[in-house]
Amino acid sequence: MSRFTTLQIEKQITDALIAAGNSEEVAHTAAIEGANHYEKHSGATALTALAWAKTFIKSSRKIKGRLKRSKKRRM
């Protein structure tokens, strides 16, 4: 199975996170983290890198002055 380049993974993750409703800045930051995970772990797949990026977003929301979504959720 072929490996994607770091830039390809970043682009795929960024597009997926923007489609999920995150702002471009948040998506790009998380995509960098996901791509780093993909690069460092030989068994990592594109899906595990995406999951890593989503986990990064969840953990960053707990920080004061956190990253925010582009759209507000309805309650």
PDB file of N, CA and C in Angstrom:
ATOM      1  N   MET A   1       0.847  -1.172   0.000  1.00  0.00           N
ATOM      2  CA  MET A   1       0.000   0.000   0.000  1.00  0.00           C
ATOM      3  C   MET A   1       0.893   1.235   0.000  1.00  0.00           C
ATOM      4  N   SER A   2       0.553   2.186  -0.833  1.00  0.00           N
ATOM      5  CA  SER A   2       1.380   3.387  -0.936  1.00  0.00           C
ATOM      6  C   SER A   2       1.078   4.362   0.193  1.00  0.00           C
ATOM      7  N   ARG A   3       2.071   5.155   0.509  1.00  0.00           N
ATOM      8  CA  ARG A   3       1.926   6.171   1.553  1.00  0.00           C
ATOM      9  C   ARG A   3       1.682   7.520   0.889  1.00  0.00           C
ATOM     10  N   PHE A   4       0.838   8.320   1.517  1.00  0.00           N
ATOM     11  CA  PHE A   4       0.597   9.674   1.043  1.00  0.00           C
ATOM     12  C   PHE A   4       1.697  10.588   1.561  1.00  0.00           C
ATOM     13  N   THR A   5       1.886  11.707   0.897  1.00  0.00           N
ATOM     14  CA  THR A   5       2.825  12.698   1.410  1.00  0.00           C
ATOM     15  C   THR A   5       2.143  13.471   2.534  1.00  0.00           C
ATOM     16  N   THR A   6       2.937  14.171   3.311  1.00  0.00           N
ATOM     17  CA  THR A   6       2.398  14.963   4.417  1.00  0.00           C
ATOM     18  C   THR A   6       1.430  16.023   3.901  1.00  0.00           C
ATOM     19  N   LEU A   7       1.764  16.653   2.795  1.00  0.00           N
ATOM     20  CA  LEU A   7       0.882  17.684   2.229  1.00  0.00           C
ATOM     21  C   LEU A   7      -0.448  17.106   1.760  1.00  0.00           C
ATOM     22  N   GLN A   8      -0.421  15.907   1.185  1.00  0.00           N
ATOM     23  CA  GLN A   8      -1.662  15.272   0.748  1.00  0.00           C
ATOM     24  C   GLN A   8      -2.564  14.958   1.942  1.00  0.00           C
ATOM     25  N   ILE A   9      -1.966  14.450   3.006  1.00  0.00           N
ATOM     26  CA  ILE A   9      -2.739  14.130   4.212  1.00  0.00           C
ATOM     27  C   ILE A   9      -3.305  15.405   4.820  1.00  0.00           C
ATOM     28  N   GLU A  10      -2.494  16.457   4.907  1.00  0.00           N
ATOM     29  CA  GLU A  10      -2.976  17.736   5.453  1.00  0.00           C
ATOM     30  C   GLU A  10      -4.178  18.239   4.666  1.00  0.00           C
ATOM     31  N   LYS A  11      -4.110  18.173   3.353  1.00  0.00           N
ATOM     32  CA  LYS A  11      -5.202  18.650   2.502  1.00  0.00           C
ATOM     33  C   LYS A  11      -6.468  17.816   2.718  1.00  0.00           C
ATOM     34  N   GLN A  12      -6.322  16.501   2.774  1.00  0.00           N
ATOM     35  CA  GLN A  12      -7.474  15.625   2.978  1.00  0.00           C
ATOM     36  C   GLN A  12      -8.139  15.892   4.323  1.00  0.00           C
ATOM     37  N   ILE A  13      -7.332  16.020   5.370  1.00  0.00           N
ATOM     38  CA  ILE A  13      -7.872  16.258   6.707  1.00  0.00           C
ATOM     39  C   ILE A  13      -8.519  17.633   6.779  1.00  0.00           C
ATOM     40  N   THR A  14      -7.859  18.644   6.219  1.00  0.00           N
ATOM     41  CA  THR A  14      -8.419  19.998   6.232  1.00  0.00           C
ATOM     42  C   THR A  14      -9.778  20.022   5.551  1.00  0.00           C
ATOM     43  N   ASP A  15      -9.881  19.405   4.390  1.00  0.00           N
ATOM     44  CA  ASP A  15     -11.156  19.375   3.665  1.00  0.00           C
ATOM     45  C   ASP A  15     -12.241  18.658   4.467  1.00  0.00           C
ATOM     46  N   ALA A  16     -11.883  17.548   5.096  1.00  0.00           N
ATOM     47  CA  ALA A  16     -12.862  16.789   5.885  1.00  0.00           C
ATOM     48  C   ALA A  16     -13.339  17.586   7.095  1.00  0.00           C
ATOM     49  N   LEU A  17     -12.423  18.288   7.753  1.00  0.00           N
ATOM     50  CA  LEU A  17     -12.800  19.053   8.943  1.00  0.00           C
ATOM     51  C   LEU A  17     -13.612  20.293   8.586  1.00  0.00           C
ATOM     52  N   ILE A  18     -13.316  20.923   7.463  1.00  0.00           N
ATOM     53  CA  ILE A  18     -14.116  22.067   7.016  1.00  0.00           C
ATOM     54  C   ILE A  18     -15.528  21.596   6.664  1.00  0.00           C
ATOM     55  N   ALA A  19     -15.622  20.445   6.013  1.00  0.00           N
ATOM     56  CA  ALA A  19     -16.938  19.888   5.680  1.00  0.00           C
ATOM     57  C   ALA A  19     -17.732  19.542   6.937  1.00  0.00           C
ATOM     58  N   ALA A  20     -17.031  19.246   8.038  1.00  0.00           N
ATOM     59  CA  ALA A  20     -17.689  18.921   9.305  1.00  0.00           C
ATOM     60  C   ALA A  20     -18.109  20.168  10.073  1.00  0.00           C
ATOM     61  N   GLY A  21     -17.783  21.359   9.553  1.00  0.00           N
ATOM     62  CA  GLY A  21     -18.251  22.591  10.172  1.00  0.00           C
ATOM     63  C   GLY A  21     -17.226  23.365  10.967  1.00  0.00           C
ATOM     64  N   ASN A  22     -15.964  23.000  10.878  1.00  0.00           N
ATOM     65  CA  ASN A  22     -14.915  23.742  11.573  1.00  0.00           C
ATOM     66  C   ASN A  22     -14.416  24.879  10.691  1.00  0.00           C
ATOM     67  N   SER A  23     -13.900  25.928  11.321  1.00  0.00           N
ATOM     68  CA  SER A  23     -13.350  27.038  10.547  1.00  0.00           C
ATOM     69  C   SER A  23     -12.072  26.584   9.846  1.00  0.00           C
ATOM     70  N   GLU A  24     -11.660  27.348   8.853  1.00  0.00           N
ATOM     71  CA  GLU A  24     -10.476  26.983   8.077  1.00  0.00           C
ATOM     72  C   GLU A  24      -9.218  26.971   8.942  1.00  0.00           C
ATOM     73  N   GLU A  25      -9.103  27.933   9.857  1.00  0.00           N
ATOM     74  CA  GLU A  25      -7.923  28.016  10.719  1.00  0.00           C
ATOM     75  C   GLU A  25      -7.839  26.811  11.654  1.00  0.00           C
ATOM     76  N   VAL A  26      -8.965  26.459  12.257  1.00  0.00           N
ATOM     77  CA  VAL A  26      -9.006  25.312  13.168  1.00  0.00           C
ATOM     78  C   VAL A  26      -8.698  24.033  12.400  1.00  0.00           C
ATOM     79  N   ALA A  27      -9.308  23.894  11.232  1.00  0.00           N
ATOM     80  CA  ALA A  27      -9.104  22.696  10.423  1.00  0.00           C
ATOM     81  C   ALA A  27      -7.644  22.552  10.004  1.00  0.00           C
ATOM     82  N   HIS A  28      -7.017  23.650   9.618  1.00  0.00           N
ATOM     83  CA  HIS A  28      -5.622  23.587   9.175  1.00  0.00           C
ATOM     84  C   HIS A  28      -4.690  23.233  10.337  1.00  0.00           C
ATOM     85  N   THR A  29      -4.924  23.834  11.496  1.00  0.00           N
ATOM     86  CA  THR A  29      -4.098  23.536  12.666  1.00  0.00           C
ATOM     87  C   THR A  29      -4.216  22.067  13.057  1.00  0.00           C
ATOM     88  N   ALA A  30      -5.432  21.562  13.086  1.00  0.00           N
ATOM     89  CA  ALA A  30      -5.644  20.157  13.432  1.00  0.00           C
ATOM     90  C   ALA A  30      -5.077  19.233  12.356  1.00  0.00           C
ATOM     91  N   ALA A  31      -5.151  19.647  11.099  1.00  0.00           N
ATOM     92  CA  ALA A  31      -4.611  18.838  10.007  1.00  0.00           C
ATOM     93  C   ALA A  31      -3.099  18.686  10.126  1.00  0.00           C
ATOM     94  N   ILE A  32      -2.436  19.722  10.569  1.00  0.00           N
ATOM     95  CA  ILE A  32      -0.985  19.639  10.783  1.00  0.00           C
ATOM     96  C   ILE A  32      -0.678  18.596  11.849  1.00  0.00           C
ATOM     97  N   GLU A  33      -1.450  18.598  12.932  1.00  0.00           N
ATOM     98  CA  GLU A  33      -1.255  17.602  13.993  1.00  0.00           C
ATOM     99  C   GLU A  33      -1.527  16.191  13.471  1.00  0.00           C
ATOM    100  N   GLY A  34      -2.589  16.035  12.695  1.00  0.00           N
ATOM    101  CA  GLY A  34      -2.908  14.729  12.123  1.00  0.00           C
ATOM    102  C   GLY A  34      -1.836  14.246  11.159  1.00  0.00           C
ATOM    103  N   ALA A  35      -1.307  15.157  10.351  1.00  0.00           N
ATOM    104  CA  ALA A  35      -0.248  14.797   9.404  1.00  0.00           C
ATOM    105  C   ALA A  35       1.038  14.415  10.135  1.00  0.00           C
ATOM    106  N   ASN A  36       1.330  15.098  11.234  1.00  0.00           N
ATOM    107  CA  ASN A  36       2.500  14.731  12.036  1.00  0.00           C
ATOM    108  C   ASN A  36       2.343  13.323  12.591  1.00  0.00           C
ATOM    109  N   HIS A  37       1.144  12.987  13.047  1.00  0.00           N
ATOM    110  CA  HIS A  37       0.877  11.633  13.545  1.00  0.00           C
ATOM    111  C   HIS A  37       1.084  10.616  12.422  1.00  0.00           C
ATOM    112  N   TYR A  38       0.572  10.906  11.248  1.00  0.00           N
ATOM    113  CA  TYR A  38       0.695  10.010  10.093  1.00  0.00           C
ATOM    114  C   TYR A  38       2.160   9.791   9.722  1.00  0.00           C
ATOM    115  N   GLU A  39       2.935  10.858   9.793  1.00  0.00           N
ATOM    116  CA  GLU A  39       4.346  10.790   9.416  1.00  0.00           C
ATOM    117  C   GLU A  39       5.177   9.998  10.431  1.00  0.00           C
ATOM    118  N   LYS A  40       4.872  10.152  11.713  1.00  0.00           N
ATOM    119  CA  LYS A  40       5.685   9.545  12.767  1.00  0.00           C
ATOM    120  C   LYS A  40       5.377   8.074  13.018  1.00  0.00           C
ATOM    121  N   HIS A  41       4.167   7.628  12.723  1.00  0.00           N
ATOM    122  CA  HIS A  41       3.766   6.254  13.004  1.00  0.00           C
ATOM    123  C   HIS A  41       3.615   5.478  11.700  1.00  0.00           C
ATOM    124  N   SER A  42       4.425   4.433  11.549  1.00  0.00           N
ATOM    125  CA  SER A  42       4.434   3.696  10.287  1.00  0.00           C
ATOM    126  C   SER A  42       3.122   2.962  10.025  1.00  0.00           C
ATOM    127  N   GLY A  43       2.382   2.605  11.061  1.00  0.00           N
ATOM    128  CA  GLY A  43       1.120   1.897  10.881  1.00  0.00           C
ATOM    129  C   GLY A  43      -0.082   2.804  10.752  1.00  0.00           C
ATOM    130  N   ALA A  44       0.137   4.105  10.772  1.00  0.00           N
ATOM    131  CA  ALA A  44      -0.978   5.057  10.717  1.00  0.00           C
ATOM    132  C   ALA A  44      -1.583   5.101   9.316  1.00  0.00           C
ATOM    133  N   THR A  45      -2.890   5.267   9.278  1.00  0.00           N
ATOM    134  CA  THR A  45      -3.603   5.408   8.012  1.00  0.00           C
ATOM    135  C   THR A  45      -4.183   6.817   7.937  1.00  0.00           C
ATOM    136  N   ALA A  46      -4.765   7.133   6.801  1.00  0.00           N
ATOM    137  CA  ALA A  46      -5.397   8.447   6.648  1.00  0.00           C
ATOM    138  C   ALA A  46      -6.545   8.601   7.645  1.00  0.00           C
ATOM    139  N   LEU A  47      -7.265   7.518   7.910  1.00  0.00           N
ATOM    140  CA  LEU A  47      -8.378   7.580   8.866  1.00  0.00           C
ATOM    141  C   LEU A  47      -7.894   7.789  10.298  1.00  0.00           C
ATOM    142  N   THR A  48      -6.793   7.154  10.677  1.00  0.00           N
ATOM    143  CA  THR A  48      -6.284   7.368  12.033  1.00  0.00           C
ATOM    144  C   THR A  48      -5.734   8.782  12.180  1.00  0.00           C
ATOM    145  N   ALA A  49      -5.169   9.318  11.113  1.00  0.00           N
ATOM    146  CA  ALA A  49      -4.683  10.702  11.156  1.00  0.00           C
ATOM    147  C   ALA A  49      -5.852  11.671  11.305  1.00  0.00           C
ATOM    148  N   LEU A  50      -6.966  11.393  10.631  1.00  0.00           N
ATOM    149  CA  LEU A  50      -8.168  12.222  10.762  1.00  0.00           C
ATOM    150  C   LEU A  50      -8.727  12.126  12.177  1.00  0.00           C
ATOM    151  N   ALA A  51      -8.751  10.925  12.729  1.00  0.00           N
ATOM    152  CA  ALA A  51      -9.225  10.748  14.107  1.00  0.00           C
ATOM    153  C   ALA A  51      -8.326  11.502  15.080  1.00  0.00           C
ATOM    154  N   TRP A  52      -7.029  11.483  14.839  1.00  0.00           N
ATOM    155  CA  TRP A  52      -6.074  12.206  15.681  1.00  0.00           C
ATOM    156  C   TRP A  52      -6.357  13.710  15.626  1.00  0.00           C
ATOM    157  N   ALA A  53      -6.638  14.215  14.431  1.00  0.00           N
ATOM    158  CA  ALA A  53      -6.939  15.640  14.260  1.00  0.00           C
ATOM    159  C   ALA A  53      -8.231  16.018  14.978  1.00  0.00           C
ATOM    160  N   LYS A  54      -9.252  15.169  14.900  1.00  0.00           N
ATOM    161  CA  LYS A  54     -10.518  15.435  15.593  1.00  0.00           C
ATOM    162  C   LYS A  54     -10.316  15.441  17.106  1.00  0.00           C
ATOM    163  N   THR A  55      -9.482  14.540  17.598  1.00  0.00           N
ATOM    164  CA  THR A  55      -9.175  14.507  19.025  1.00  0.00           C
ATOM    165  C   THR A  55      -8.445  15.773  19.440  1.00  0.00           C
ATOM    166  N   PHE A  56      -7.561  16.268  18.587  1.00  0.00           N
ATOM    167  CA  PHE A  56      -6.851  17.515  18.868  1.00  0.00           C
ATOM    168  C   PHE A  56      -7.830  18.674  19.007  1.00  0.00           C
ATOM    169  N   ILE A  57      -8.828  18.729  18.129  1.00  0.00           N
ATOM    170  CA  ILE A  57      -9.832  19.795  18.207  1.00  0.00           C
ATOM    171  C   ILE A  57     -10.619  19.689  19.504  1.00  0.00           C
ATOM    172  N   LYS A  58     -11.027  18.479  19.872  1.00  0.00           N
ATOM    173  CA  LYS A  58     -11.795  18.296  21.109  1.00  0.00           C
ATOM    174  C   LYS A  58     -10.990  18.735  22.321  1.00  0.00           C
ATOM    175  N   SER A  59      -9.715  18.371  22.362  1.00  0.00           N
ATOM    176  CA  SER A  59      -8.895  18.732  23.520  1.00  0.00           C
ATOM    177  C   SER A  59      -8.600  20.224  23.555  1.00  0.00           C
ATOM    178  N   SER A  60      -8.511  20.863  22.394  1.00  0.00           N
ATOM    179  CA  SER A  60      -8.216  22.296  22.377  1.00  0.00           C
ATOM    180  C   SER A  60      -9.425  23.125  22.783  1.00  0.00           C
ATOM    181  N   ARG A  61     -10.617  22.567  22.700  1.00  0.00           N
ATOM    182  CA  ARG A  61     -11.820  23.285  23.129  1.00  0.00           C
ATOM    183  C   ARG A  61     -11.878  23.429  24.638  1.00  0.00           C
ATOM    184  N   LYS A  62     -11.145  22.605  25.356  1.00  0.00           N
ATOM    185  CA  LYS A  62     -11.147  22.652  26.813  1.00  0.00           C
ATOM    186  C   LYS A  62     -10.218  23.735  27.347  1.00  0.00           C
ATOM    187  N   ILE A  63      -9.425  24.339  26.478  1.00  0.00           N
ATOM    188  CA  ILE A  63      -8.448  25.347  26.865  1.00  0.00           C
ATOM    189  C   ILE A  63      -9.104  26.724  26.841  1.00  0.00           C
ATOM    190  N   LYS A  64      -8.773  27.553  27.826  1.00  0.00           N
ATOM    191  CA  LYS A  64      -9.302  28.913  27.855  1.00  0.00           C
ATOM    192  C   LYS A  64      -8.807  29.654  26.612  1.00  0.00           C
ATOM    193  N   GLY A  65      -9.687  30.409  25.977  1.00  0.00           N
ATOM    194  CA  GLY A  65      -9.336  31.081  24.726  1.00  0.00           C
ATOM    195  C   GLY A  65      -9.248  30.087  23.590  1.00  0.00           C
ATOM    196  N   ARG A  66     -10.077  29.083  23.651  1.00  0.00           N
ATOM    197  CA  ARG A  66     -10.012  27.928  22.753  1.00  0.00           C
ATOM    198  C   ARG A  66     -10.336  28.283  21.304  1.00  0.00           C
ATOM    199  N   LEU A  67     -10.084  27.323  20.438  1.00  0.00           N
ATOM    200  CA  LEU A  67     -10.449  27.437  19.034  1.00  0.00           C
ATOM    201  C   LEU A  67     -11.964  27.300  18.929  1.00  0.00           C
ATOM    202  N   LYS A  68     -12.572  28.020  18.019  1.00  0.00           N
ATOM    203  CA  LYS A  68     -14.028  27.990  17.899  1.00  0.00           C
ATOM    204  C   LYS A  68     -14.452  27.503  16.527  1.00  0.00           C
ATOM    205  N   ARG A  69     -15.619  26.893  16.497  1.00  0.00           N
ATOM    206  CA  ARG A  69     -16.207  26.435  15.233  1.00  0.00           C
ATOM    207  C   ARG A  69     -16.708  27.636  14.451  1.00  0.00           C
ATOM    208  N   SER A  70     -16.827  27.477  13.167  1.00  0.00           N
ATOM    209  CA  SER A  70     -17.293  28.583  12.335  1.00  0.00           C
ATOM    210  C   SER A  70     -18.809  28.764  12.415  1.00  0.00           C
ATOM    211  N   LYS A  71     -19.541  27.698  12.691  1.00  0.00           N
ATOM    212  CA  LYS A  71     -20.996  27.781  12.769  1.00  0.00           C
ATOM    213  C   LYS A  71     -21.444  27.480  14.192  1.00  0.00           C
ATOM    214  N   LYS A  72     -22.466  28.189  14.639  1.00  0.00           N
ATOM    215  CA  LYS A  72     -22.999  27.929  15.969  1.00  0.00           C
ATOM    216  C   LYS A  72     -23.957  26.750  15.907  1.00  0.00           C
ATOM    217  N   ARG A  73     -23.942  25.952  16.952  1.00  0.00           N
ATOM    218  CA  ARG A  73     -24.843  24.808  17.027  1.00  0.00           C
ATOM    219  C   ARG A  73     -26.218  25.254  17.491  1.00  0.00           C
ATOM    220  N   ARG A  74     -27.216  24.585  16.987  1.00  0.00           N
ATOM    221  CA  ARG A  74     -28.579  24.852  17.443  1.00  0.00           C
ATOM    222  C   ARG A  74     -28.858  24.016  18.672  1.00  0.00           C
ATOM    223  N   MET A  75     -29.608  24.584  19.566  1.00  0.00           N
ATOM    224  CA  MET A  75     -29.938  23.837  20.778  1.00  0.00           C
ATOM    225  C   MET A  75     -31.376  23.441  20.784  1.00  0.00           C
TER     226      MET A  75
END
